[in-house]
Protein backbone atom coordinates (compact mmCIF):
# COMPACT_ATOMS: atom_id res chain seq x y z
CA MET A 1 81.25 -42.04 74.29
CA SER A 2 81.83 -38.44 73.29
CA LYS A 3 82.22 -39.39 69.58
CA ARG A 4 78.96 -41.24 69.68
CA ARG A 5 77.16 -38.37 71.33
CA LYS A 6 78.40 -36.00 68.58
CA CYS A 7 77.05 -38.20 65.84
CA LEU A 8 73.62 -38.34 67.44
CA GLN A 9 73.48 -34.58 67.90
CA SER A 10 74.34 -33.66 64.31
CA GLY A 11 71.76 -31.45 62.62
CA LEU A 12 71.30 -29.56 59.33
CA THR A 13 74.06 -27.42 58.04
CA LEU A 14 73.51 -23.83 56.87
CA LEU A 15 73.87 -24.93 53.23
CA GLU A 16 71.10 -27.56 53.66
CA LEU A 17 68.79 -24.97 55.21
CA ILE A 18 69.41 -22.52 52.38
CA LEU A 19 68.70 -25.22 49.75
CA ALA A 20 65.49 -26.27 51.53
CA ALA A 21 64.29 -22.62 51.68
CA PHE A 22 65.16 -22.19 48.01
CA VAL A 23 63.15 -25.26 46.96
CA LEU A 24 60.17 -24.07 49.06
CA ALA A 25 60.34 -20.63 47.45
CA ILE A 26 60.29 -22.18 43.95
CA LEU A 27 57.29 -24.34 44.85
CA ALA A 28 55.44 -21.34 46.34
CA THR A 29 55.99 -19.17 43.25
CA ALA A 30 54.78 -22.05 41.04
CA ALA A 31 51.60 -22.40 43.14
CA LEU A 32 50.76 -18.65 43.11
CA PRO A 33 49.37 -18.50 39.52
CA VAL A 34 47.25 -21.56 40.21
CA VAL A 35 45.75 -19.89 43.26
CA ARG A 36 45.06 -16.67 41.35
CA PHE A 37 43.47 -18.65 38.52
CA THR A 38 41.27 -20.50 41.02
CA ILE A 39 40.12 -17.26 42.67
CA VAL A 40 39.25 -15.62 39.32
CA ARG A 41 37.47 -18.79 38.15
CA SER A 42 35.30 -18.91 41.29
CA LYS A 43 34.37 -15.22 40.76
CA GLU A 44 33.44 -15.94 37.19
CA VAL A 45 31.24 -18.84 38.27
CA GLU A 46 29.58 -16.55 40.83
CA LEU A 47 29.04 -13.88 38.13
CA HIS A 48 27.39 -16.43 35.85
CA ARG A 49 25.11 -17.57 38.67
CA ASP A 50 24.16 -13.99 39.67
CA LEU A 51 23.41 -12.99 36.09
CA ARG A 52 21.29 -16.10 35.67
CA GLU A 53 19.40 -15.34 38.91
CA ILE A 54 18.64 -11.74 37.87
CA ARG A 55 17.69 -12.71 34.31
CA ASP A 56 15.43 -15.48 35.60
CA ALA A 57 13.71 -12.96 37.89
CA ILE A 58 13.20 -10.56 34.97
CA ASP A 59 11.75 -13.40 32.87
CA ARG A 60 9.35 -14.43 35.68
CA TYR A 61 8.19 -10.79 36.05
CA LYS A 62 7.61 -10.66 32.26
CA ASP A 63 5.70 -13.92 32.42
CA TYR A 64 3.41 -12.58 35.17
CA ALA A 65 2.87 -9.38 33.19
CA ASP A 66 2.09 -11.32 29.98
CA ARG A 67 -0.49 -13.42 31.88
CA ASN A 68 -2.03 -10.16 33.26
CA LEU A 69 -1.34 -11.24 36.85
CA ILE A 70 0.39 -7.93 37.67
CA ARG A 71 -0.13 -4.41 36.47
CA VAL A 72 2.62 -2.90 34.37
CA GLU A 73 3.32 0.58 33.02
CA VAL A 74 2.29 1.37 29.48
CA GLY A 75 5.32 1.19 27.16
CA SER A 76 7.30 -1.07 29.45
CA GLU A 77 6.54 -4.12 27.32
CA GLY A 78 5.86 -6.01 30.57
CA TYR A 79 9.42 -5.71 31.90
CA PRO A 80 10.22 -4.40 35.41
CA PRO A 81 10.95 -0.68 35.71
CA ASP A 82 14.11 -1.37 37.78
CA LEU A 83 15.81 -4.15 39.74
CA GLU A 84 14.50 -2.77 43.04
CA THR A 85 10.98 -3.66 41.90
CA LEU A 86 11.99 -7.30 41.72
CA VAL A 87 13.13 -7.14 45.33
CA LYS A 88 10.23 -5.08 46.75
CA GLY A 89 7.65 -7.18 44.96
CA VAL A 90 4.49 -6.30 43.11
CA GLN A 91 0.83 -6.75 43.94
CA ILE A 92 -0.91 -9.67 42.30
CA GLY A 93 -4.26 -8.74 40.83
CA ALA A 94 -6.18 -5.50 41.24
CA SER A 95 -7.90 -6.19 44.57
CA SER A 96 -5.58 -8.74 46.18
CA ASP A 97 -3.28 -7.94 49.10
CA ARG A 98 -0.85 -10.63 47.96
CA LYS A 99 2.59 -9.61 46.70
CA VAL A 100 5.07 -11.60 44.79
CA ARG A 101 8.80 -10.98 45.06
CA PHE A 102 11.09 -12.13 42.30
CA LEU A 103 14.44 -11.58 44.05
CA ARG A 104 15.43 -11.73 47.74
CA ARG A 105 18.07 -9.15 47.17
CA ILE A 106 20.06 -7.60 44.34
CA PRO A 107 23.16 -9.77 44.02
CA VAL A 108 26.60 -8.18 44.43
CA ASP A 109 28.66 -8.19 41.25
CA PRO A 110 31.70 -10.29 42.26
CA MET A 111 33.92 -8.41 39.76
CA THR A 112 33.18 -4.92 41.11
CA GLY A 113 32.15 -5.78 44.68
CA ARG A 114 29.00 -3.66 44.43
CA ALA A 115 25.32 -4.43 43.85
CA GLU A 116 25.33 -2.23 40.79
CA TRP A 117 24.69 -3.57 37.27
CA ASN A 118 24.57 -2.17 33.75
CA LEU A 119 20.91 -2.31 32.72
CA GLN A 120 19.48 -2.63 29.23
CA ALA A 121 15.93 -1.69 28.17
CA VAL A 122 13.96 -3.19 25.31
CA GLN A 123 14.09 0.17 23.55
CA ASP A 124 17.89 0.37 23.85
CA ASP A 125 20.13 -0.36 20.89
CA PRO A 126 21.62 -3.91 21.35
CA ASP A 127 25.19 -2.49 21.45
CA SER A 128 24.27 0.41 23.70
CA THR A 129 26.09 0.82 26.99
CA SER A 130 23.61 3.35 28.42
CA TRP A 131 20.19 2.56 29.86
CA ALA A 132 17.11 4.40 28.67
CA GLY A 133 15.59 4.06 32.16
CA LYS A 134 12.18 2.79 31.07
CA ASN A 135 12.43 -0.92 31.86
CA VAL A 136 14.92 -3.67 32.57
CA PHE A 137 15.26 -6.19 29.71
CA ASP A 138 18.77 -7.40 30.51
CA VAL A 139 21.68 -6.91 32.92
CA HIS A 140 25.46 -7.00 32.56
CA SER A 141 28.45 -6.54 34.82
CA LYS A 142 29.94 -3.04 35.10
CA SER A 143 33.46 -4.53 35.05
CA GLN A 144 35.44 -3.77 31.92
CA ALA A 145 38.05 -6.40 32.78
CA ALA A 146 38.78 -9.37 30.57
CA ALA A 147 37.65 -12.84 31.54
CA LEU A 148 39.88 -15.91 31.49
CA ASP A 149 38.41 -16.81 28.09
CA GLY A 150 39.33 -13.36 26.67
CA THR A 151 35.83 -11.88 26.59
CA ARG A 152 34.83 -8.84 28.67
CA TYR A 153 32.67 -9.38 31.74
CA ALA A 154 30.47 -6.49 30.57
CA ASP A 155 29.56 -8.55 27.51
CA TRP A 156 28.29 -11.58 29.48
């Protein structure tokens, strides 16, 4: 009976444990780049969505200004003076107490982790990286990192 009991109690040898750990380590290192790629890709999708949301709010503000529904500053070309104006809202009409808000909040740039964006005015040179401070025509990420497709996030 003692021989039979020894056969039933046999387990893994040290060599088998080392081999199993080695195989698991190889599989884990193979999965790491895939996980990193997935994280970066999800941040890029979020950046595209945030830029689209802000640009859509700027376009709606411009549309209201072009239809003379809101008052705008002279020389602003009907674009908002800053992003905060899109969040605070503007009064509709001259005597109305109604306000319209174009954004609930300024989105956080997923690449920098801050709610700060590079702004571009209508008067700015198209290749300019500084903002004239008169109005907001377009927004870009402040991140200078390269995207998965090779372009810079600041150029999106």
